[in-house]
């Protein structure tokens, strides 16, 4: 119990000092014991290194400041970044855009989208110049577009009434998968989320087609065995249907659990993959 209490104290100190210049070793020294052993135990328990956790806390603070419309330069300073270039190096993957664009709700970013018929109903694909940022299912084109606009409220949403060659290839590949003719294609993705969400989503991509895991198994696999609800929430927040296969995660009792695009679609996807 003493070891767990010490790790929790270490975690809290890391969070409290995320915007300060204290090193992980300095913070470990405050807790006592071997810094090396403490850092290894922290990684084993929480699934990320102390440095990664400290950086994630700093990024979350920085993003909160941006959402409150604090000027970018001031937000950088208050978050503890020593040089402007460092925030772009460290936060780019999480934001998926520059801090100013994030603050403006992706203002200035162009997101192209196309709609297509599939065996599971209408499908919307949306992409930035990085890759697909959204794949959604629905019955109503207007509702699908509205959902995309809510995700990226200030971006320029560009409809592709005739899909480009790349979009056409992606649509063809996904439809072939949905008909059970080919494996899930490996397409370029623009994944945006918190550090925890991205950790969950990367793990989901490792679950083989035709198999499934429980939310508890996912939480344990990423090093957060007690974060079952958080893992389920990360699955629910997934914007990339099929490509980040959250449909392969079930409740502990074998029930389907949730699926933001409908349980009938989740059951159909599991059947398609089981029959391959």
Protein backbone atom coordinates (compact mmCIF):
# COMPACT_ATOMS: atom_id res chain seq x y z
CA UNK A 1 0.00 0.00 0.00
CA UNK A 2 2.91 2.32 0.81
CA UNK A 3 4.22 1.87 -2.74
CA UNK A 4 0.86 2.79 -4.26
CA UNK A 5 0.56 5.85 -2.01
CA UNK A 6 4.02 6.98 -3.05
CA UNK A 7 3.19 6.59 -6.74
CA UNK A 8 -0.03 8.53 -6.31
CA UNK A 9 1.85 11.28 -4.51
CA UNK A 10 4.37 11.32 -7.37
CA UNK A 11 1.55 11.56 -9.92
CA UNK A 12 -0.08 14.44 -8.11
CA UNK A 13 3.21 16.33 -7.85
CA UNK A 14 3.81 15.82 -11.58
CA UNK A 15 0.38 17.26 -12.34
CA UNK A 16 0.83 20.20 -9.98
CA UNK A 17 4.25 21.09 -11.41
CA UNK A 18 3.37 20.51 -15.09
CA UNK A 19 3.57 24.23 -15.89
CA UNK A 20 6.81 24.71 -13.93
CA UNK A 21 10.41 23.96 -14.80
CA UNK A 22 10.94 21.13 -12.30
CA UNK A 23 12.46 18.00 -13.81
CA UNK A 24 10.99 14.56 -13.23
CA UNK A 25 14.07 13.64 -11.18
CA UNK A 26 13.59 16.68 -8.93
CA UNK A 27 9.96 15.75 -8.33
CA UNK A 28 10.88 12.12 -7.66
CA UNK A 29 13.37 13.30 -5.05
CA UNK A 30 10.53 15.03 -3.18
CA UNK A 31 8.74 11.70 -2.85
CA UNK A 32 11.82 9.82 -1.69
CA UNK A 33 13.31 6.50 -2.68
CA UNK A 34 15.18 5.65 -5.85
CA UNK A 35 14.16 7.98 -8.71
CA UNK A 36 14.88 5.25 -11.27
CA UNK A 37 12.77 2.69 -9.43
CA UNK A 38 9.98 5.22 -8.90
CA UNK A 39 9.86 6.11 -12.59
CA UNK A 40 9.76 2.44 -13.61
CA UNK A 41 6.98 1.71 -11.12
CA UNK A 42 5.03 4.74 -12.36
CA UNK A 43 5.27 3.55 -15.97
CA UNK A 44 4.16 0.04 -14.98
CA UNK A 45 1.14 1.35 -13.11
CA UNK A 46 -0.07 4.18 -15.35
CA UNK A 47 1.02 2.96 -18.77
CA UNK A 48 3.04 6.08 -19.65
CA UNK A 49 6.34 7.46 -18.39
CA UNK A 50 6.40 10.27 -15.81
CA UNK A 51 7.79 12.61 -18.47
CA UNK A 52 4.96 11.76 -20.87
CA UNK A 53 2.40 12.29 -18.11
CA UNK A 54 3.93 15.64 -17.17
CA UNK A 55 3.92 16.71 -20.82
CA UNK A 56 0.30 15.60 -21.25
CA UNK A 57 -0.74 17.66 -18.22
CA UNK A 58 1.07 20.69 -19.63
CA UNK A 59 -0.63 20.22 -22.99
CA UNK A 60 -4.06 19.95 -21.36
CA UNK A 61 -3.45 23.19 -19.46
CA UNK A 62 -2.30 24.89 -22.65
CA UNK A 63 -5.38 23.72 -24.57
CA UNK A 64 -7.66 24.92 -21.75
CA UNK A 65 -6.03 28.35 -21.94
CA UNK A 66 -6.56 28.47 -25.71
CA UNK A 67 -10.23 27.54 -25.32
CA UNK A 68 -10.60 30.44 -22.90
CA UNK A 69 -9.22 32.72 -25.64
CA UNK A 70 -6.05 33.55 -23.72
CA UNK A 71 -3.56 35.01 -26.26
CA UNK A 72 -1.32 32.27 -27.65
CA UNK A 73 1.92 33.88 -26.44
CA UNK A 74 0.53 34.28 -22.93
CA UNK A 75 -0.83 30.71 -22.94
CA UNK A 76 2.61 29.45 -23.96
CA UNK A 77 4.24 31.30 -21.08
CA UNK A 78 1.67 30.25 -18.48
CA UNK A 79 1.87 26.61 -19.60
CA UNK A 80 5.60 26.65 -18.96
CA UNK A 81 6.94 26.29 -22.49
CA UNK A 82 10.39 27.79 -22.71
CA UNK A 83 10.44 28.36 -26.46
CA UNK A 84 7.67 28.76 -29.02
CA UNK A 85 9.06 25.99 -31.21
CA UNK A 86 8.72 23.43 -28.42
CA UNK A 87 4.96 23.71 -28.22
CA UNK A 88 4.65 23.02 -31.94
CA UNK A 89 6.96 20.02 -31.62
CA UNK A 90 5.11 18.51 -28.67
CA UNK A 91 1.47 19.41 -29.20
CA UNK A 92 1.13 19.01 -32.95
CA UNK A 93 -0.03 15.39 -32.76
CA UNK A 94 -2.67 16.17 -30.16
CA UNK A 95 -4.06 19.36 -31.71
CA UNK A 96 -3.60 18.30 -35.33
CA UNK A 97 -3.15 21.99 -36.18
CA UNK A 98 -1.33 25.12 -35.00
CA UNK A 99 -2.33 26.58 -31.62
CA UNK A 100 -3.94 29.60 -33.28
CA UNK A 101 -6.09 27.38 -35.49
CA UNK A 102 -7.05 25.27 -32.48
CA UNK A 103 -8.05 28.41 -30.61
CA UNK A 104 -10.24 29.50 -33.52
CA UNK A 105 -11.92 26.08 -33.82
CA UNK A 106 -9.80 25.04 -36.82
CA UNK A 107 -10.36 28.38 -38.54
CA UNK A 108 -8.52 28.53 -41.84
CA UNK A 109 -8.25 24.75 -42.13
CA UNK A 110 -9.90 23.14 -45.13
CA UNK A 111 -11.72 19.85 -44.59
CA UNK A 112 -13.03 18.10 -47.69
CA UNK A 113 -15.81 15.57 -47.45
CA UNK A 114 -17.77 13.17 -49.63
CA UNK A 115 -20.88 11.08 -49.07
CA UNK A 116 -21.48 7.57 -50.34
CA UNK A 117 -23.87 4.65 -50.13
CA UNK A 118 -22.66 1.57 -48.25
CA UNK A 119 -24.19 -1.70 -47.04
CA UNK A 120 -24.58 0.02 -43.65
CA UNK A 121 -26.31 3.14 -44.96
CA UNK A 122 -24.91 6.53 -45.86
CA UNK A 123 -21.26 7.17 -45.04
CA UNK A 124 -19.44 10.50 -44.73
CA UNK A 125 -15.68 10.64 -45.22
CA UNK A 126 -13.83 13.85 -44.35
CA UNK A 127 -10.13 14.59 -44.69
CA UNK A 128 -7.54 17.29 -44.13
CA UNK A 129 -4.27 17.37 -46.01
CA UNK A 130 -2.96 14.98 -43.31
CA UNK A 131 -5.51 12.23 -43.93
CA UNK A 132 -9.00 11.13 -42.96
CA UNK A 133 -10.22 12.93 -39.86
CA UNK A 134 -13.79 11.66 -39.82
CA UNK A 135 -15.70 8.59 -41.04
CA UNK A 136 -19.32 8.52 -39.92
CA UNK A 137 -22.47 6.52 -40.68
CA UNK A 138 -26.05 7.75 -40.76
CA UNK A 139 -29.29 7.82 -42.67
CA UNK A 140 -29.51 11.55 -43.38
CA UNK A 141 -26.88 13.52 -45.32
CA UNK A 142 -27.82 16.78 -43.63
CA UNK A 143 -27.37 15.25 -40.18
CA UNK A 144 -23.99 13.82 -41.15
CA UNK A 145 -22.82 17.20 -42.41
CA UNK A 146 -24.13 18.92 -39.28
CA UNK A 147 -22.16 16.50 -37.10
CA UNK A 148 -19.00 17.24 -39.08
CA UNK A 149 -19.52 20.98 -38.66
CA UNK A 150 -19.93 20.55 -34.90
CA UNK A 151 -16.61 18.71 -34.74
CA UNK A 152 -14.79 21.47 -36.65
CA UNK A 153 -16.88 24.61 -36.15
CA UNK A 154 -14.54 27.16 -37.72
CA UNK A 155 -12.96 25.06 -40.47
CA UNK A 156 -13.82 25.55 -44.12
CA UNK A 157 -15.97 22.53 -44.99
CA UNK A 158 -15.61 21.74 -48.67
CA UNK A 159 -18.15 19.39 -50.25
CA UNK A 160 -16.90 17.05 -52.96
CA UNK A 161 -20.00 16.43 -55.07
CA UNK A 162 -17.80 14.29 -57.31
CA UNK A 163 -15.25 12.52 -55.11
CA UNK A 164 -11.60 12.98 -56.02
CA UNK A 165 -9.62 9.93 -57.20
CA UNK A 166 -8.23 9.44 -53.68
CA UNK A 167 -11.67 9.67 -52.06
CA UNK A 168 -13.08 7.33 -54.69
CA UNK A 169 -10.39 4.75 -53.90
CA UNK A 170 -11.08 5.05 -50.18
CA UNK A 171 -14.83 4.65 -50.67
CA UNK A 172 -14.32 1.62 -52.94
CA UNK A 173 -11.93 0.00 -50.45
CA UNK A 174 -14.26 0.55 -47.47
CA UNK A 175 -17.27 -0.77 -49.40
CA UNK A 176 -15.30 -3.87 -50.39
CA UNK A 177 -14.52 -4.41 -46.71
CA UNK A 178 -18.16 -3.94 -45.73
CA UNK A 179 -19.20 -6.54 -48.32
CA UNK A 180 -16.70 -8.97 -46.82
CA UNK A 181 -14.57 -9.01 -49.97
CA UNK A 182 -11.33 -7.53 -48.62
CA UNK A 183 -9.57 -6.79 -45.35
CA UNK A 184 -9.86 -3.39 -43.73
CA UNK A 185 -7.71 -1.01 -45.80
CA UNK A 186 -4.76 0.90 -44.33
CA UNK A 187 -5.64 4.51 -45.09
CA UNK A 188 -3.94 7.77 -44.04
CA UNK A 189 -5.46 9.16 -40.86
CA UNK A 190 -5.49 12.53 -39.12
CA UNK A 191 -6.16 11.38 -35.54
CA UNK A 192 -6.94 14.01 -32.92
CA UNK A 193 -7.64 13.46 -29.24
CA UNK A 194 -6.22 13.49 -25.76
CA UNK A 195 -3.13 11.45 -24.91
CA UNK A 196 -5.34 8.82 -23.26
CA UNK A 197 -7.78 8.65 -26.18
CA UNK A 198 -4.98 8.25 -28.72
CA UNK A 199 -3.46 5.50 -26.57
CA UNK A 200 -6.80 3.64 -26.61
CA UNK A 201 -7.35 4.20 -30.33
CA UNK A 202 -3.88 2.94 -31.24
CA UNK A 203 -4.52 -0.20 -29.24
CA UNK A 204 -7.90 -0.76 -30.93
CA UNK A 205 -6.11 -0.81 -34.28
CA UNK A 206 -4.12 -3.82 -33.02
CA UNK A 207 -7.20 -5.96 -32.27
CA UNK A 208 -7.44 -8.50 -35.14
CA UNK A 209 -10.57 -8.60 -37.28
CA UNK A 210 -12.85 -11.45 -36.31
CA UNK A 211 -11.96 -11.11 -32.62
CA UNK A 212 -13.14 -8.84 -29.87
CA UNK A 213 -12.10 -7.65 -26.44
CA UNK A 214 -13.91 -6.19 -23.46
CA UNK A 215 -13.57 -2.62 -22.24
CA UNK A 216 -11.81 -4.05 -19.18
CA UNK A 217 -9.27 -5.86 -21.36
CA UNK A 218 -8.58 -2.69 -23.33
CA UNK A 219 -8.02 -0.68 -20.16
CA UNK A 220 -5.64 -3.31 -18.81
CA UNK A 221 -3.77 -3.63 -22.12
CA UNK A 222 -2.91 0.08 -22.20
CA UNK A 223 -1.70 0.03 -18.60
CA UNK A 224 -4.80 1.55 -16.95
CA UNK A 225 -6.71 -1.44 -15.52
CA UNK A 226 -8.94 0.77 -13.38
CA UNK A 227 -9.84 3.13 -16.21
CA UNK A 228 -12.57 0.95 -17.74
CA UNK A 229 -15.11 3.75 -18.03
CA UNK A 230 -12.50 6.08 -19.50
CA UNK A 231 -11.62 3.43 -22.08
CA UNK A 232 -15.29 3.08 -22.97
CA UNK A 233 -15.59 6.85 -23.27
CA UNK A 234 -12.58 6.93 -25.60
CA UNK A 235 -14.29 4.33 -27.80
CA UNK A 236 -17.45 6.46 -27.82
CA UNK A 237 -15.44 9.56 -28.81
CA UNK A 238 -13.90 7.86 -31.85
CA UNK A 239 -14.57 9.85 -35.05
CA UNK A 240 -13.15 7.27 -37.44
CA UNK A 241 -15.60 4.41 -37.81
CA UNK A 242 -14.11 1.13 -39.13
CA UNK A 243 -10.55 2.50 -39.36
CA UNK A 244 -10.27 2.75 -35.59
CA UNK A 245 -12.31 -0.40 -34.91
CA UNK A 246 -14.09 0.43 -31.67
CA UNK A 247 -16.82 -2.00 -32.79
CA UNK A 248 -14.49 -4.82 -31.68
CA UNK A 249 -14.92 -3.89 -28.00
CA UNK A 250 -17.78 -5.44 -26.03
CA UNK A 251 -19.10 -5.41 -22.49
CA UNK A 252 -17.73 -7.91 -20.01
CA UNK A 253 -20.91 -9.98 -20.18
CA UNK A 254 -20.63 -10.27 -23.97
CA UNK A 255 -23.21 -7.58 -24.67
CA UNK A 256 -22.60 -5.14 -27.48
CA UNK A 257 -22.25 -2.16 -25.16
CA UNK A 258 -22.47 1.15 -27.01
CA UNK A 259 -21.74 2.32 -30.54
CA UNK A 260 -22.24 5.88 -31.68
CA UNK A 261 -23.44 4.75 -35.12
CA UNK A 262 -26.02 2.30 -33.78
CA UNK A 263 -25.91 -1.18 -32.29
CA UNK A 264 -27.35 -2.74 -35.45
CA UNK A 265 -24.31 -1.51 -37.37
CA UNK A 266 -21.97 -2.77 -34.65
CA UNK A 267 -23.55 -6.22 -34.80
CA UNK A 268 -23.32 -6.20 -38.61
CA UNK A 269 -19.63 -5.30 -38.53
CA UNK A 270 -18.87 -8.12 -36.10
CA UNK A 271 -20.79 -10.55 -38.31
CA UNK A 272 -18.91 -9.37 -41.43
CA UNK A 273 -15.54 -9.88 -39.75
CA UNK A 274 -16.53 -13.20 -38.18
CA UNK A 275 -17.48 -14.62 -41.58
CA UNK A 276 -14.16 -13.66 -43.23
